[in-house]
Amino acid sequence: MYLPRNSGRQTWGHVATCFVGNQDPEEEQEARLANLPAWRRDILRKKLEEERKEEERQKQEEIQKAKEQSEKLRTLGYDEAKLAPWQRQVILKKGEIPK
């Protein structure tokens, strides 16, 4: 039976691929874009910028929603810190705590 010379041993080639993902995402993105033609690079940059803006908009909406919920609880006279999550959900849906 013939076995390759390396059988049973790992080479160091796999280690280099492990460290590639440790770069800053911005640097990694720029490295990928550097290998593309200029027209393709421009298209991808615009797409990535739109995705970033969309993510930022979603974060802002979540923050605004949390603020509105907190404000509603305060106007109803509840202390947010003393409520369990299920109580908070019920109060926000119905406006009062069940008895």
N, C-alpha and C. Protein backbone atom coordinates (compact mmCIF):
# COMPACT_ATOMS: atom_id res chain seq x y z
N MET A 1 0.84 -1.18 0.00
CA MET A 1 0.00 0.00 0.00
C MET A 1 0.88 1.24 0.00
N TYR A 2 0.58 2.17 -0.90
CA TYR A 2 1.36 3.40 -1.01
C TYR A 2 0.68 4.51 -0.23
N LEU A 3 1.41 5.21 0.62
CA LEU A 3 0.91 6.36 1.35
C LEU A 3 1.73 7.58 0.97
N PRO A 4 1.08 8.71 0.80
CA PRO A 4 1.85 9.92 0.51
C PRO A 4 2.80 10.23 1.66
N ARG A 5 3.83 10.95 1.36
CA ARG A 5 4.87 11.26 2.34
C ARG A 5 4.32 12.02 3.55
N ASN A 6 3.32 12.90 3.35
CA ASN A 6 2.76 13.72 4.41
C ASN A 6 1.65 13.04 5.20
N SER A 7 1.27 11.85 4.87
CA SER A 7 0.09 11.27 5.50
C SER A 7 0.23 11.24 7.01
N GLY A 8 -0.83 11.66 7.69
CA GLY A 8 -0.83 11.67 9.13
C GLY A 8 -0.25 12.94 9.74
N ARG A 9 0.35 13.78 8.94
CA ARG A 9 0.92 15.03 9.45
C ARG A 9 0.24 16.21 8.78
N GLN A 10 0.05 17.27 9.54
CA GLN A 10 -0.53 18.47 8.94
C GLN A 10 0.60 19.38 8.51
N THR A 11 0.35 20.08 7.43
CA THR A 11 1.32 21.07 7.00
C THR A 11 0.94 22.41 7.60
N TRP A 12 1.79 23.38 7.50
CA TRP A 12 1.52 24.69 8.08
C TRP A 12 0.67 25.56 7.17
N GLY A 13 0.30 25.09 6.02
CA GLY A 13 -0.50 25.88 5.09
C GLY A 13 -1.87 26.23 5.64
N HIS A 14 -2.45 25.35 6.44
CA HIS A 14 -3.78 25.60 7.00
C HIS A 14 -3.75 26.69 8.06
N VAL A 15 -2.60 26.93 8.69
CA VAL A 15 -2.51 27.92 9.77
C VAL A 15 -2.67 29.32 9.21
N ALA A 16 -2.14 29.59 8.04
CA ALA A 16 -2.24 30.92 7.45
C ALA A 16 -3.69 31.31 7.21
N THR A 17 -4.53 30.35 6.85
CA THR A 17 -5.93 30.68 6.59
C THR A 17 -6.67 30.98 7.87
N CYS A 18 -6.20 30.49 9.01
CA CYS A 18 -6.85 30.75 10.28
C CYS A 18 -6.70 32.20 10.70
N PHE A 19 -5.58 32.82 10.34
CA PHE A 19 -5.31 34.18 10.79
C PHE A 19 -5.83 35.24 9.85
N VAL A 20 -6.30 34.88 8.69
CA VAL A 20 -6.79 35.85 7.73
C VAL A 20 -8.01 36.57 8.27
N GLY A 21 -8.90 35.88 8.98
CA GLY A 21 -10.13 36.48 9.49
C GLY A 21 -9.92 37.40 10.67
N ASN A 22 -8.70 37.50 11.20
CA ASN A 22 -8.45 38.34 12.36
C ASN A 22 -8.19 39.79 12.00
N GLN A 23 -8.21 40.13 10.73
CA GLN A 23 -7.99 41.50 10.32
C GLN A 23 -9.23 42.33 10.64
N ASP A 24 -9.03 43.63 10.66
CA ASP A 24 -10.13 44.55 10.82
C ASP A 24 -11.06 44.38 9.61
N PRO A 25 -12.38 44.33 9.81
CA PRO A 25 -13.29 44.13 8.68
C PRO A 25 -13.11 45.17 7.58
N GLU A 26 -12.80 46.40 7.96
CA GLU A 26 -12.59 47.45 6.95
C GLU A 26 -11.35 47.13 6.10
N GLU A 27 -10.27 46.71 6.75
CA GLU A 27 -9.05 46.37 6.01
C GLU A 27 -9.27 45.17 5.10
N GLU A 28 -9.99 44.19 5.63
CA GLU A 28 -10.27 43.00 4.85
C GLU A 28 -11.10 43.36 3.62
N GLN A 29 -12.08 44.23 3.80
CA GLN A 29 -12.93 44.66 2.69
C GLN A 29 -12.10 45.40 1.64
N GLU A 30 -11.21 46.29 2.10
CA GLU A 30 -10.37 47.04 1.17
C GLU A 30 -9.43 46.10 0.40
N ALA A 31 -8.94 45.07 1.08
CA ALA A 31 -8.05 44.11 0.41
C ALA A 31 -8.80 43.37 -0.69
N ARG A 32 -10.05 43.00 -0.42
CA ARG A 32 -10.85 42.33 -1.44
C ARG A 32 -11.13 43.26 -2.61
N LEU A 33 -11.47 44.52 -2.30
CA LEU A 33 -11.79 45.47 -3.35
C LEU A 33 -10.58 45.83 -4.20
N ALA A 34 -9.40 45.77 -3.64
CA ALA A 34 -8.19 46.14 -4.38
C ALA A 34 -7.94 45.22 -5.57
N ASN A 35 -8.43 43.99 -5.49
CA ASN A 35 -8.20 43.03 -6.57
C ASN A 35 -9.22 43.14 -7.69
N LEU A 36 -10.22 43.98 -7.53
CA LEU A 36 -11.28 44.09 -8.52
C LEU A 36 -11.03 45.25 -9.48
N PRO A 37 -11.63 45.19 -10.66
CA PRO A 37 -11.55 46.33 -11.57
C PRO A 37 -12.25 47.55 -10.96
N ALA A 38 -11.89 48.73 -11.42
CA ALA A 38 -12.40 49.97 -10.83
C ALA A 38 -13.93 50.06 -10.89
N TRP A 39 -14.53 49.68 -12.02
CA TRP A 39 -15.98 49.80 -12.16
C TRP A 39 -16.70 48.87 -11.18
N ARG A 40 -16.16 47.68 -11.01
CA ARG A 40 -16.76 46.71 -10.10
C ARG A 40 -16.57 47.17 -8.64
N ARG A 41 -15.41 47.74 -8.38
CA ARG A 41 -15.11 48.26 -7.04
C ARG A 41 -16.09 49.36 -6.65
N ASP A 42 -16.38 50.26 -7.59
CA ASP A 42 -17.32 51.35 -7.33
C ASP A 42 -18.72 50.81 -7.02
N ILE A 43 -19.15 49.82 -7.79
CA ILE A 43 -20.47 49.23 -7.56
C ILE A 43 -20.53 48.59 -6.18
N LEU A 44 -19.51 47.83 -5.82
CA LEU A 44 -19.49 47.17 -4.51
C LEU A 44 -19.42 48.17 -3.37
N ARG A 45 -18.65 49.24 -3.55
CA ARG A 45 -18.58 50.26 -2.49
C ARG A 45 -19.93 50.91 -2.27
N LYS A 46 -20.64 51.22 -3.35
CA LYS A 46 -21.97 51.81 -3.22
C LYS A 46 -22.92 50.85 -2.51
N LYS A 47 -22.86 49.58 -2.88
CA LYS A 47 -23.72 48.57 -2.26
C LYS A 47 -23.42 48.44 -0.77
N LEU A 48 -22.13 48.38 -0.42
CA LEU A 48 -21.74 48.27 0.98
C LEU A 48 -22.16 49.51 1.78
N GLU A 49 -22.03 50.67 1.17
CA GLU A 49 -22.44 51.91 1.85
C GLU A 49 -23.94 51.91 2.10
N GLU A 50 -24.72 51.44 1.13
CA GLU A 50 -26.17 51.35 1.31
C GLU A 50 -26.52 50.38 2.43
N GLU A 51 -25.80 49.24 2.49
CA GLU A 51 -26.04 48.27 3.56
C GLU A 51 -25.72 48.87 4.93
N ARG A 52 -24.63 49.62 5.02
CA ARG A 52 -24.26 50.26 6.29
C ARG A 52 -25.33 51.26 6.71
N LYS A 53 -25.81 52.04 5.75
CA LYS A 53 -26.85 53.03 6.06
C LYS A 53 -28.12 52.35 6.53
N GLU A 54 -28.48 51.24 5.88
CA GLU A 54 -29.68 50.49 6.26
C GLU A 54 -29.54 49.93 7.68
N GLU A 55 -28.37 49.37 7.99
CA GLU A 55 -28.14 48.85 9.34
C GLU A 55 -28.23 49.96 10.38
N GLU A 56 -27.65 51.10 10.07
CA GLU A 56 -27.70 52.25 10.98
C GLU A 56 -29.13 52.72 11.19
N ARG A 57 -29.89 52.75 10.11
CA ARG A 57 -31.28 53.16 10.20
C ARG A 57 -32.09 52.20 11.07
N GLN A 58 -31.84 50.90 10.92
CA GLN A 58 -32.52 49.90 11.74
C GLN A 58 -32.17 50.04 13.21
N LYS A 59 -30.89 50.32 13.49
CA LYS A 59 -30.47 50.52 14.88
C LYS A 59 -31.18 51.73 15.47
N GLN A 60 -31.26 52.80 14.69
CA GLN A 60 -31.92 54.01 15.17
C GLN A 60 -33.40 53.74 15.43
N GLU A 61 -34.04 52.96 14.57
CA GLU A 61 -35.45 52.62 14.77
C GLU A 61 -35.64 51.81 16.05
N GLU A 62 -34.74 50.87 16.30
CA GLU A 62 -34.83 50.06 17.52
C GLU A 62 -34.66 50.93 18.76
N ILE A 63 -33.71 51.85 18.72
CA ILE A 63 -33.48 52.75 19.85
C ILE A 63 -34.71 53.62 20.08
N GLN A 64 -35.28 54.14 18.99
CA GLN A 64 -36.47 54.98 19.09
C GLN A 64 -37.65 54.19 19.66
N LYS A 65 -37.82 52.96 19.23
CA LYS A 65 -38.90 52.11 19.74
C LYS A 65 -38.74 51.85 21.23
N ALA A 66 -37.50 51.58 21.66
CA ALA A 66 -37.24 51.35 23.08
C ALA A 66 -37.54 52.60 23.90
N LYS A 67 -37.19 53.76 23.37
CA LYS A 67 -37.48 55.02 24.06
C LYS A 67 -38.98 55.25 24.18
N GLU A 68 -39.70 54.98 23.11
CA GLU A 68 -41.15 55.15 23.14
C GLU A 68 -41.81 54.21 24.14
N GLN A 69 -41.33 52.96 24.19
CA GLN A 69 -41.89 52.00 25.15
C GLN A 69 -41.60 52.45 26.59
N SER A 70 -40.39 52.91 26.82
CA SER A 70 -40.02 53.38 28.15
C SER A 70 -40.87 54.58 28.54
N GLU A 71 -41.08 55.49 27.61
CA GLU A 71 -41.92 56.67 27.86
C GLU A 71 -43.35 56.27 28.17
N LYS A 72 -43.88 55.30 27.44
CA LYS A 72 -45.25 54.84 27.67
C LYS A 72 -45.39 54.24 29.07
N LEU A 73 -44.41 53.43 29.47
CA LEU A 73 -44.44 52.84 30.80
C LEU A 73 -44.40 53.92 31.88
N ARG A 74 -43.58 54.94 31.68
CA ARG A 74 -43.49 56.02 32.67
C ARG A 74 -44.79 56.81 32.74
N THR A 75 -45.41 57.06 31.59
CA THR A 75 -46.66 57.82 31.62
C THR A 75 -47.79 57.02 32.27
N LEU A 76 -47.70 55.70 32.21
CA LEU A 76 -48.70 54.86 32.86
C LEU A 76 -48.41 54.69 34.36
N GLY A 77 -47.24 55.17 34.81
CA GLY A 77 -46.91 55.15 36.22
C GLY A 77 -46.17 53.91 36.68
N TYR A 78 -45.55 53.18 35.79
CA TYR A 78 -44.81 51.97 36.17
C TYR A 78 -43.32 52.25 36.22
N ASP A 79 -42.64 51.58 37.16
CA ASP A 79 -41.19 51.65 37.23
C ASP A 79 -40.65 50.50 36.39
N GLU A 80 -39.97 50.85 35.35
CA GLU A 80 -39.48 49.85 34.38
C GLU A 80 -38.56 48.82 35.02
N ALA A 81 -37.75 49.24 35.99
CA ALA A 81 -36.78 48.34 36.62
C ALA A 81 -37.46 47.26 37.46
N LYS A 82 -38.67 47.51 37.92
CA LYS A 82 -39.35 46.56 38.80
C LYS A 82 -40.25 45.58 38.06
N LEU A 83 -40.36 45.73 36.76
CA LEU A 83 -41.24 44.88 35.97
C LEU A 83 -40.48 43.70 35.37
N ALA A 84 -41.12 42.55 35.36
CA ALA A 84 -40.58 41.39 34.66
C ALA A 84 -40.83 41.60 33.16
N PRO A 85 -40.04 40.95 32.31
CA PRO A 85 -40.24 41.13 30.87
C PRO A 85 -41.65 40.80 30.40
N TRP A 86 -42.27 39.77 30.95
CA TRP A 86 -43.63 39.41 30.51
C TRP A 86 -44.63 40.48 30.95
N GLN A 87 -44.40 41.09 32.14
CA GLN A 87 -45.30 42.14 32.60
C GLN A 87 -45.18 43.36 31.68
N ARG A 88 -43.96 43.66 31.32
CA ARG A 88 -43.71 44.81 30.45
C ARG A 88 -44.44 44.63 29.11
N GLN A 89 -44.35 43.42 28.55
CA GLN A 89 -45.03 43.15 27.27
C GLN A 89 -46.53 43.31 27.40
N VAL A 90 -47.10 42.77 28.49
CA VAL A 90 -48.56 42.85 28.68
C VAL A 90 -48.98 44.30 28.84
N ILE A 91 -48.24 45.05 29.63
CA ILE A 91 -48.59 46.46 29.86
C ILE A 91 -48.52 47.24 28.56
N LEU A 92 -47.49 47.01 27.77
CA LEU A 92 -47.34 47.75 26.52
C LEU A 92 -48.43 47.37 25.52
N LYS A 93 -48.89 46.13 25.55
CA LYS A 93 -49.95 45.72 24.63
C LYS A 93 -51.32 46.21 25.07
N LYS A 94 -51.61 46.07 26.36
CA LYS A 94 -52.96 46.37 26.84
C LYS A 94 -53.05 47.68 27.61
N GLY A 95 -51.93 48.16 28.13
CA GLY A 95 -51.97 49.41 28.87
C GLY A 95 -52.20 49.25 30.36
N GLU A 96 -52.37 48.03 30.85
CA GLU A 96 -52.53 47.82 32.29
C GLU A 96 -52.03 46.44 32.66
N ILE A 97 -51.76 46.25 33.92
CA ILE A 97 -51.23 44.97 34.39
C ILE A 97 -52.39 44.04 34.73
N PRO A 98 -52.32 42.75 34.38
CA PRO A 98 -53.41 41.84 34.69
C PRO A 98 -53.46 41.50 36.18
N LYS A 99 -54.68 41.23 36.68
CA LYS A 99 -54.81 40.93 38.11
C LYS A 99 -55.22 39.50 38.33
